[in-house]
């Protein structure tokens, strides 16, 4: 529940079974109180949050443009799933390591669908769609975590600048299109941004 510029989050109270407790979270700021991954996984959020080394990290609130881009990308991938083993998931929680859970805007597994509800194996592709209030440092940290975890394709879509980028060990690099070599999937600025 939103209270002014803060978020009220309800979590199960481990000391009193069946009881819940509330805590305030501030947008785009990690809480100072350390919690466990198990506590995080049992929490309920109005807008899902990530978990990074014991802290809850709020995600940017998507707007209409963000949601439109997410829909267009999922539709492009969706056209391929009948003939190719691709499994796209919007906002799927991933366990990168025991104390790091991230939620990419789009996650795509290739070959087979993950067996876990919260997958702990790297997908073929993650896509982050930037929002107005995303912070560069936070984005770069998240992209590097994906890379170290073993995600082979890390894409960034920037609707405001109408630019596409790939993240590799060399950092973030802008590109004219985003494509998966093994699959007939290519995203271009015109296919994503022409109606914005």
Protein backbone atom coordinates (compact mmCIF):
# COMPACT_ATOMS: atom_id res chain seq x y z
CA UNK A 1 0.00 0.00 0.00
CA UNK A 2 1.41 3.41 -0.91
CA UNK A 3 1.52 6.09 1.78
CA UNK A 4 2.75 9.36 0.29
CA UNK A 5 6.21 8.63 -1.09
CA UNK A 6 6.62 5.48 1.02
CA UNK A 7 5.44 1.90 0.63
CA UNK A 8 3.84 -0.13 3.39
CA UNK A 9 4.78 -3.80 2.98
CA UNK A 10 3.23 -6.65 4.92
CA UNK A 11 5.30 -9.68 5.88
CA UNK A 12 4.63 -12.80 7.89
CA UNK A 13 5.76 -12.47 11.49
CA UNK A 14 8.06 -15.44 12.19
CA UNK A 15 7.48 -15.18 15.93
CA UNK A 16 3.67 -15.28 15.69
CA UNK A 17 2.36 -17.85 13.14
CA UNK A 18 -0.48 -16.43 11.07
CA UNK A 19 0.31 -12.86 12.08
CA UNK A 20 1.67 -10.20 9.77
CA UNK A 21 3.76 -7.15 10.47
CA UNK A 22 4.13 -4.02 8.41
CA UNK A 23 7.26 -2.12 7.43
CA UNK A 24 7.81 1.08 5.50
CA UNK A 25 9.99 1.05 2.41
CA UNK A 26 11.17 4.09 0.50
CA UNK A 27 11.10 4.07 -3.32
CA UNK A 28 14.45 3.29 -5.00
CA UNK A 29 16.16 2.87 -1.63
CA UNK A 30 17.13 -0.35 0.07
CA UNK A 31 15.88 -0.84 3.60
CA UNK A 32 18.51 -0.73 6.31
CA UNK A 33 17.21 -3.72 8.25
CA UNK A 34 18.80 -6.96 7.11
CA UNK A 35 16.43 -9.86 6.40
CA UNK A 36 16.91 -13.41 5.15
CA UNK A 37 16.06 -14.72 1.70
CA UNK A 38 13.37 -16.90 3.28
CA UNK A 39 11.74 -13.83 4.87
CA UNK A 40 11.89 -12.01 1.53
CA UNK A 41 10.25 -14.90 -0.32
CA UNK A 42 7.32 -14.86 2.13
CA UNK A 43 6.72 -11.11 1.84
CA UNK A 44 3.94 -9.55 -0.20
CA UNK A 45 4.54 -6.35 -2.17
CA UNK A 46 2.14 -4.05 -4.00
CA UNK A 47 4.78 -3.78 -6.75
CA UNK A 48 7.27 -6.64 -6.55
CA UNK A 49 10.68 -5.81 -5.09
CA UNK A 50 14.09 -7.40 -5.46
CA UNK A 51 16.36 -8.78 -2.74
CA UNK A 52 20.06 -7.94 -2.73
CA UNK A 53 22.36 -9.13 0.07
CA UNK A 54 19.80 -8.90 2.84
CA UNK A 55 18.04 -5.73 1.69
CA UNK A 56 14.73 -5.17 -0.09
CA UNK A 57 15.25 -3.03 -3.21
CA UNK A 58 12.21 -1.38 -4.79
CA UNK A 59 11.90 -1.62 -8.56
CA UNK A 60 10.91 1.34 -10.71
CA UNK A 61 7.19 1.71 -11.26
CA UNK A 62 6.39 0.95 -14.91
CA UNK A 63 4.41 3.48 -16.90
CA UNK A 64 2.40 3.16 -20.12
CA UNK A 65 5.47 3.42 -22.38
CA UNK A 66 7.35 0.78 -20.38
CA UNK A 67 4.36 -1.57 -20.49
CA UNK A 68 3.85 -1.01 -24.23
CA UNK A 69 7.49 -1.88 -24.98
CA UNK A 70 7.27 -4.96 -22.75
CA UNK A 71 4.13 -6.09 -24.60
CA UNK A 72 5.69 -5.54 -28.06
CA UNK A 73 8.78 -7.56 -27.14
CA UNK A 74 6.72 -10.39 -25.67
CA UNK A 75 4.57 -10.44 -28.83
CA UNK A 76 7.69 -10.68 -31.03
CA UNK A 77 9.00 -13.59 -28.96
CA UNK A 78 5.51 -15.12 -28.78
CA UNK A 79 5.37 -15.41 -32.57
CA UNK A 80 8.32 -17.82 -32.38
CA UNK A 81 7.28 -20.17 -29.60
CA UNK A 82 5.25 -22.49 -31.84
CA UNK A 83 8.30 -23.32 -33.95
CA UNK A 84 11.20 -22.68 -31.55
CA UNK A 85 11.87 -23.80 -27.97
CA UNK A 86 11.63 -20.34 -26.38
CA UNK A 87 9.95 -19.70 -23.04
CA UNK A 88 9.37 -16.00 -22.30
CA UNK A 89 8.35 -14.76 -18.85
CA UNK A 90 7.50 -11.18 -17.88
CA UNK A 91 8.83 -10.17 -14.46
CA UNK A 92 9.97 -13.62 -13.34
CA UNK A 93 11.85 -13.67 -10.03
CA UNK A 94 15.31 -15.25 -10.47
CA UNK A 95 17.74 -16.48 -7.80
CA UNK A 96 21.18 -15.38 -8.98
CA UNK A 97 22.81 -16.49 -5.74
CA UNK A 98 21.52 -17.39 -2.27
CA UNK A 99 21.21 -13.74 -1.21
CA UNK A 100 20.42 -12.10 -4.57
CA UNK A 101 17.01 -12.27 -6.24
CA UNK A 102 16.38 -10.12 -9.33
CA UNK A 103 13.27 -9.58 -11.45
CA UNK A 104 14.07 -8.68 -15.07
CA UNK A 105 11.33 -7.06 -17.14
CA UNK A 106 11.54 -10.05 -19.51
CA UNK A 107 13.31 -13.38 -19.04
CA UNK A 108 13.61 -15.89 -21.87
CA UNK A 109 14.69 -19.49 -21.44
CA UNK A 110 15.75 -21.48 -24.49
CA UNK A 111 15.57 -25.24 -24.96
CA UNK A 112 13.26 -25.98 -22.06
CA UNK A 113 11.22 -24.17 -19.47
CA UNK A 114 12.77 -23.90 -15.99
CA UNK A 115 11.52 -26.46 -13.47
CA UNK A 116 11.74 -24.21 -10.42
CA UNK A 117 9.16 -21.56 -9.50
CA UNK A 118 12.09 -19.24 -8.76
CA UNK A 119 14.72 -20.38 -11.28
CA UNK A 120 18.33 -20.62 -10.13
CA UNK A 121 19.80 -21.41 -13.57
CA UNK A 122 20.68 -18.60 -15.98
CA UNK A 123 18.23 -17.99 -18.83
CA UNK A 124 19.15 -17.47 -22.48
CA UNK A 125 18.16 -13.80 -22.35
CA UNK A 126 17.18 -11.06 -19.92
CA UNK A 127 15.76 -7.74 -21.02
CA UNK A 128 15.60 -4.61 -18.90
CA UNK A 129 13.33 -1.80 -20.10
CA UNK A 130 14.39 1.52 -18.64
CA UNK A 131 11.97 3.75 -16.77
CA UNK A 132 12.27 7.47 -16.04
CA UNK A 133 13.37 6.90 -12.46
CA UNK A 134 15.96 4.15 -13.05
CA UNK A 135 19.38 4.96 -11.65
CA UNK A 136 22.43 4.27 -13.80
CA UNK A 137 24.53 2.81 -10.96
CA UNK A 138 21.73 0.44 -9.91
CA UNK A 139 21.17 -0.67 -13.51
CA UNK A 140 24.88 -1.36 -14.08
CA UNK A 141 25.08 -3.36 -10.86
CA UNK A 142 22.10 -5.48 -11.91
CA UNK A 143 23.45 -6.05 -15.44
CA UNK A 144 26.84 -7.10 -14.06
CA UNK A 145 25.13 -9.55 -11.70
CA UNK A 146 23.35 -11.12 -14.68
CA UNK A 147 26.64 -11.38 -16.60
CA UNK A 148 28.56 -12.96 -13.71
CA UNK A 149 25.69 -15.40 -13.15
CA UNK A 150 26.10 -16.61 -16.75
CA UNK A 151 23.30 -14.98 -18.76
CA UNK A 152 24.66 -14.99 -22.35
CA UNK A 153 22.36 -12.27 -23.72
CA UNK A 154 21.64 -9.13 -21.69
CA UNK A 155 19.63 -6.46 -23.48
CA UNK A 156 18.61 -2.97 -22.44
CA UNK A 157 15.78 -1.07 -24.10
CA UNK A 158 15.64 2.70 -23.49
CA UNK A 159 12.27 4.06 -24.62
CA UNK A 160 13.09 7.66 -23.66
CA UNK A 161 16.24 7.84 -25.79
CA UNK A 162 14.78 5.34 -28.29
CA UNK A 163 17.99 3.31 -28.14
CA UNK A 164 18.91 -0.35 -27.76
CA UNK A 165 21.96 -1.73 -25.97
CA UNK A 166 23.72 -4.99 -25.11
CA UNK A 167 25.67 -5.59 -21.93
CA UNK A 168 28.85 -7.71 -22.08
CA UNK A 169 32.10 -7.97 -20.13
CA UNK A 170 33.10 -4.77 -21.95
CA UNK A 171 30.13 -2.91 -20.49
CA UNK A 172 27.03 -1.39 -22.03
CA UNK A 173 27.18 -0.82 -25.77
CA UNK A 174 24.53 0.75 -27.98
CA UNK A 175 23.51 -1.23 -31.06
CA UNK A 176 21.27 -0.69 -34.09
CA UNK A 177 19.31 -3.90 -33.40
CA UNK A 178 19.05 -6.73 -30.90
CA UNK A 179 19.12 -10.28 -32.24
CA UNK A 180 19.51 -13.84 -31.03
CA UNK A 181 21.81 -15.70 -33.41
CA UNK A 182 20.17 -19.08 -32.75
CA UNK A 183 16.63 -17.80 -33.30
CA UNK A 184 14.90 -15.56 -35.87
CA UNK A 185 14.36 -12.78 -33.34
CA UNK A 186 15.44 -9.23 -34.08
CA UNK A 187 14.30 -6.06 -32.37
CA UNK A 188 14.90 -2.67 -33.98
CA UNK A 189 14.11 0.86 -32.86
CA UNK A 190 11.45 1.16 -35.55
CA UNK A 191 9.72 -2.04 -34.41
CA UNK A 192 9.59 -0.82 -30.81
CA UNK A 193 9.48 2.96 -30.85
CA UNK A 194 7.58 3.97 -34.00
CA UNK A 195 4.26 4.52 -32.23
CA UNK A 196 5.60 6.19 -29.07
